[in-house]
PDB file of N, CA and C in Angstrom:
ATOM      1  N   MET A   1      91.736 133.033 178.865  1.00  0.00           N
ATOM      2  CA  MET A   1      92.377 132.308 179.947  1.00  0.00           C
ATOM      3  C   MET A   1      92.640 133.266 181.092  1.00  0.00           C
ATOM      4  N   SER A   2      92.678 132.724 182.260  1.00  0.00           N
ATOM      5  CA  SER A   2      92.926 133.566 183.422  1.00  0.00           C
ATOM      6  C   SER A   2      94.408 133.897 183.527  1.00  0.00           C
ATOM      7  N   GLY A   3      94.684 134.998 184.159  1.00  0.00           N
ATOM      8  CA  GLY A   3      96.073 135.396 184.348  1.00  0.00           C
ATOM      9  C   GLY A   3      96.814 134.478 185.296  1.00  0.00           C
ATOM     10  N   ILE A   4      96.082 133.858 186.210  1.00  0.00           N
ATOM     11  CA  ILE A   4      96.727 132.983 187.195  1.00  0.00           C
ATOM     12  C   ILE A   4      97.162 131.673 186.538  1.00  0.00           C
ATOM     13  N   ASN A   5      96.255 131.069 185.776  1.00  0.00           N
ATOM     14  CA  ASN A   5      96.560 129.765 185.191  1.00  0.00           C
ATOM     15  C   ASN A   5      97.328 129.862 183.878  1.00  0.00           C
ATOM     16  N   GLY A   6      97.183 130.953 183.171  1.00  0.00           N
ATOM     17  CA  GLY A   6      97.945 131.139 181.943  1.00  0.00           C
ATOM     18  C   GLY A   6      97.688 130.046 180.925  1.00  0.00           C
ATOM     19  N   ASP A   7      98.759 129.500 180.366  1.00  0.00           N
ATOM     20  CA  ASP A   7      98.664 128.480 179.320  1.00  0.00           C
ATOM     21  C   ASP A   7      98.727 127.067 179.889  1.00  0.00           C
ATOM     22  N   LYS A   8      98.328 126.895 181.131  1.00  0.00           N
ATOM     23  CA  LYS A   8      98.466 125.585 181.775  1.00  0.00           C
ATOM     24  C   LYS A   8      97.765 124.483 180.985  1.00  0.00           C
ATOM     25  N   SER A   9      96.553 124.771 180.529  1.00  0.00           N
ATOM     26  CA  SER A   9      95.789 123.758 179.798  1.00  0.00           C
ATOM     27  C   SER A   9      96.487 123.385 178.495  1.00  0.00           C
ATOM     28  N   ARG A  10      96.913 124.381 177.743  1.00  0.00           N
ATOM     29  CA  ARG A  10      97.600 124.121 176.478  1.00  0.00           C
ATOM     30  C   ARG A  10      98.935 123.431 176.725  1.00  0.00           C
ATOM     31  N   PHE A  11      99.645 123.882 177.740  1.00  0.00           N
ATOM     32  CA  PHE A  11     100.944 123.300 178.047  1.00  0.00           C
ATOM     33  C   PHE A  11     100.818 121.810 178.334  1.00  0.00           C
ATOM     34  N   HIS A  12      99.846 121.432 179.164  1.00  0.00           N
ATOM     35  CA  HIS A  12      99.698 120.024 179.515  1.00  0.00           C
ATOM     36  C   HIS A  12      99.225 119.196 178.322  1.00  0.00           C
ATOM     37  N   ARG A  13      98.383 119.778 177.477  1.00  0.00           N
ATOM     38  CA  ARG A  13      97.934 119.060 176.279  1.00  0.00           C
ATOM     39  C   ARG A  13      99.113 118.799 175.347  1.00  0.00           C
ATOM     40  N   LYS A  14      99.917 119.823 175.103  1.00  0.00           N
ATOM     41  CA  LYS A  14     101.099 119.667 174.243  1.00  0.00           C
ATOM     42  C   LYS A  14     102.101 118.701 174.870  1.00  0.00           C
ATOM     43  N   ARG A  15     102.253 118.790 176.195  1.00  0.00           N
ATOM     44  CA  ARG A  15     103.173 117.908 176.902  1.00  0.00           C
ATOM     45  C   ARG A  15     102.763 116.450 176.726  1.00  0.00           C
ATOM     46  N   LYS A  16     101.486 116.172 176.897  1.00  0.00           N
ATOM     47  CA  LYS A  16     100.994 114.806 176.729  1.00  0.00           C
ATOM     48  C   LYS A  16     101.186 114.335 175.292  1.00  0.00           C
ATOM     49  N   GLN A  17     100.967 115.228 174.330  1.00  0.00           N
ATOM     50  CA  GLN A  17     101.157 114.868 172.926  1.00  0.00           C
ATOM     51  C   GLN A  17     102.619 114.525 172.651  1.00  0.00           C
ATOM     52  N   LYS A  18     103.538 115.309 173.207  1.00  0.00           N
ATOM     53  CA  LYS A  18     104.959 115.040 173.000  1.00  0.00           C
ATOM     54  C   LYS A  18     105.373 113.710 173.621  1.00  0.00           C
ATOM     55  N   ILE A  19     104.870 113.449 174.824  1.00  0.00           N
ATOM     56  CA  ILE A  19     105.197 112.192 175.497  1.00  0.00           C
ATOM     57  C   ILE A  19     104.682 111.007 174.690  1.00  0.00           C
ATOM     58  N   GLU A  20     103.449 111.101 174.204  1.00  0.00           N
ATOM     59  CA  GLU A  20     102.855 110.019 173.407  1.00  0.00           C
ATOM     60  C   GLU A  20     103.618 109.827 172.094  1.00  0.00           C
ATOM     61  N   GLN A  21     104.024 110.925 171.462  1.00  0.00           N
ATOM     62  CA  GLN A  21     104.788 110.841 170.212  1.00  0.00           C
ATOM     63  C   GLN A  21     106.120 110.138 170.448  1.00  0.00           C
ATOM     64  N   ARG A  22     106.797 110.469 171.556  1.00  0.00           N
ATOM     65  CA  ARG A  22     108.058 109.805 171.873  1.00  0.00           C
ATOM     66  C   ARG A  22     107.849 108.318 172.106  1.00  0.00           C
ATOM     67  N   ARG A  23     106.753 107.969 172.793  1.00  0.00           N
ATOM     68  CA  ARG A  23     106.455 106.560 173.069  1.00  0.00           C
ATOM     69  C   ARG A  23     106.241 105.794 171.763  1.00  0.00           C
ATOM     70  N   ARG A  24     105.472 106.388 170.840  1.00  0.00           N
ATOM     71  CA  ARG A  24     105.217 105.730 169.556  1.00  0.00           C
ATOM     72  C   ARG A  24     106.497 105.590 168.741  1.00  0.00           C
ATOM     73  N   THR A  25     107.346 106.621 168.783  1.00  0.00           N
ATOM     74  CA  THR A  25     108.603 106.578 168.044  1.00  0.00           C
ATOM     75  C   THR A  25     109.504 105.479 168.590  1.00  0.00           C
ATOM     76  N   ARG A  26     109.580 105.369 169.916  1.00  0.00           N
ATOM     77  CA  ARG A  26     110.407 104.323 170.521  1.00  0.00           C
ATOM     78  C   ARG A  26     109.904 102.939 170.152  1.00  0.00           C
ATOM     79  N   GLU A  27     108.581 102.750 170.150  1.00  0.00           N
ATOM     80  CA  GLU A  27     108.013 101.456 169.769  1.00  0.00           C
ATOM     81  C   GLU A  27     108.346 101.120 168.317  1.00  0.00           C
ATOM     82  N   LEU A  28     108.266 102.122 167.445  1.00  0.00           N
ATOM     83  CA  LEU A  28     108.572 101.911 166.036  1.00  0.00           C
ATOM     84  C   LEU A  28     110.032 101.514 165.851  1.00  0.00           C
ATOM     85  N   VAL A  29     110.935 102.236 166.506  1.00  0.00           N
ATOM     86  CA  VAL A  29     112.360 101.931 166.394  1.00  0.00           C
ATOM     87  C   VAL A  29     112.644 100.541 166.945  1.00  0.00           C
ATOM     88  N   LYS A  30     112.006 100.202 168.056  1.00  0.00           N
ATOM     89  CA  LYS A  30     112.207  98.882 168.654  1.00  0.00           C
ATOM     90  C   LYS A  30     111.731  97.778 167.717  1.00  0.00           C
ATOM     91  N   SER A  31     110.565  97.955 167.112  1.00  0.00           N
ATOM     92  CA  SER A  31     110.042  96.925 166.213  1.00  0.00           C
ATOM     93  C   SER A  31     110.906  96.795 164.961  1.00  0.00           C
ATOM     94  N   LEU A  32     111.407  97.907 164.456  1.00  0.00           N
ATOM     95  CA  LEU A  32     112.272  97.846 163.277  1.00  0.00           C
ATOM     96  C   LEU A  32     113.593  97.159 163.597  1.00  0.00           C
ATOM     97  N   SER A  33     114.149  97.429 164.776  1.00  0.00           N
ATOM     98  CA  SER A  33     115.411  96.785 165.138  1.00  0.00           C
ATOM     99  C   SER A  33     115.211  95.287 165.341  1.00  0.00           C
ATOM    100  N   GLU A  34     114.050  94.881 165.865  1.00  0.00           N
ATOM    101  CA  GLU A  34     113.769  93.454 166.032  1.00  0.00           C
ATOM    102  C   GLU A  34     113.605  92.776 164.674  1.00  0.00           C
ATOM    103  N   GLN A  35     113.021  93.465 163.711  1.00  0.00           N
ATOM    104  CA  GLN A  35     112.866  92.899 162.373  1.00  0.00           C
ATOM    105  C   GLN A  35     114.225  92.680 161.722  1.00  0.00           C
ATOM    106  N   ARG A  36     115.146  93.600 161.937  1.00  0.00           N
ATOM    107  CA  ARG A  36     116.475  93.458 161.347  1.00  0.00           C
ATOM    108  C   ARG A  36     117.244  92.311 161.990  1.00  0.00           C
ATOM    109  N   LYS A  37     117.021  92.103 163.295  1.00  0.00           N
ATOM    110  CA  LYS A  37     117.731  91.030 163.993  1.00  0.00           C
ATOM    111  C   LYS A  37     117.231  89.662 163.560  1.00  0.00           C
ATOM    112  N   SER A  38     115.931  89.535 163.299  1.00  0.00           N
ATOM    113  CA  SER A  38     115.388  88.230 162.923  1.00  0.00           C
ATOM    114  C   SER A  38     115.858  87.875 161.517  1.00  0.00           C
ATOM    115  N   PRO A  39     116.294  86.644 161.322  1.00  0.00           N
ATOM    116  CA  PRO A  39     116.816  86.253 160.004  1.00  0.00           C
ATOM    117  C   PRO A  39     115.695  86.203 158.969  1.00  0.00           C
ATOM    118  N   ALA A  40     115.948  86.793 157.841  1.00  0.00           N
ATOM    119  CA  ALA A  40     114.970  86.784 156.749  1.00  0.00           C
ATOM    120  C   ALA A  40     115.103  85.479 155.979  1.00  0.00           C
ATOM    121  N   ALA A  41     114.024  85.063 155.345  1.00  0.00           N
ATOM    122  CA  ALA A  41     114.051  83.842 154.542  1.00  0.00           C
ATOM    123  C   ALA A  41     114.950  84.072 153.331  1.00  0.00           C
ATOM    124  N   PRO A  42     115.776  83.112 152.990  1.00  0.00           N
ATOM    125  CA  PRO A  42     116.647  83.283 151.824  1.00  0.00           C
ATOM    126  C   PRO A  42     115.816  83.436 150.552  1.00  0.00           C
ATOM    127  N   SER A  43     116.128  84.446 149.780  1.00  0.00           N
ATOM    128  CA  SER A  43     115.330  84.722 148.583  1.00  0.00           C
ATOM    129  C   SER A  43     115.595  83.696 147.483  1.00  0.00           C
ATOM    130  N   GLY A  44     116.769  83.091 147.464  1.00  0.00           N
ATOM    131  CA  GLY A  44     117.105  82.118 146.428  1.00  0.00           C
ATOM    132  C   GLY A  44     116.264  80.861 146.496  1.00  0.00           C
ATOM    133  N   SER A  45     115.893  80.421 147.688  1.00  0.00           N
ATOM    134  CA  SER A  45     115.143  79.169 147.812  1.00  0.00           C
ATOM    135  C   SER A  45     113.738  79.311 147.228  1.00  0.00           C
ATOM    136  N   THR A  46     113.093  80.447 147.401  1.00  0.00           N
ATOM    137  CA  THR A  46     111.745  80.615 146.855  1.00  0.00           C
ATOM    138  C   THR A  46     111.796  80.837 145.354  1.00  0.00           C
ATOM    139  N   ALA A  47     112.842  81.495 144.859  1.00  0.00           N
ATOM    140  CA  ALA A  47     112.951  81.733 143.426  1.00  0.00           C
ATOM    141  C   ALA A  47     113.182  80.418 142.686  1.00  0.00           C
ATOM    142  N   GLY A  48     113.982  79.529 143.265  1.00  0.00           N
ATOM    143  CA  GLY A  48     114.240  78.240 142.638  1.00  0.00           C
ATOM    144  C   GLY A  48     112.993  77.381 142.580  1.00  0.00           C
ATOM    145  N   ALA A  49     112.155  77.461 143.578  1.00  0.00           N
ATOM    146  CA  ALA A  49     110.929  76.670 143.609  1.00  0.00           C
ATOM    147  C   ALA A  49     109.958  77.151 142.533  1.00  0.00           C
ATOM    148  N   ARG A  50     109.956  78.414 142.255  1.00  0.00           N
ATOM    149  CA  ARG A  50     109.054  78.951 141.232  1.00  0.00           C
ATOM    150  C   ARG A  50     109.491  78.520 139.836  1.00  0.00           C
ATOM    151  N   ILE A  51     110.787  78.465 139.616  1.00  0.00           N
ATOM    152  CA  ILE A  51     111.301  78.108 138.300  1.00  0.00           C
ATOM    153  C   ILE A  51     111.051  76.630 138.021  1.00  0.00           C
ATOM    154  N   ALA A  52     111.251  75.787 139.000  1.00  0.00           N
ATOM    155  CA  ALA A  52     111.099  74.340 138.811  1.00  0.00           C
ATOM    156  C   ALA A  52     109.677  73.957 138.729  1.00  0.00           C
TER     157      ALA A  52
END
């Protein structure tokens, strides 16, 4: 690498990777929080249907 540019290429590559990782993490947390907010189907109703 040149003395003028130094680690510019590596720095920007790592920077982009960190930004993308944060974006994916935020999407994952958002989707998980939405799943928790949505009401789950009651487990008792499906179990009773199987027994009968």
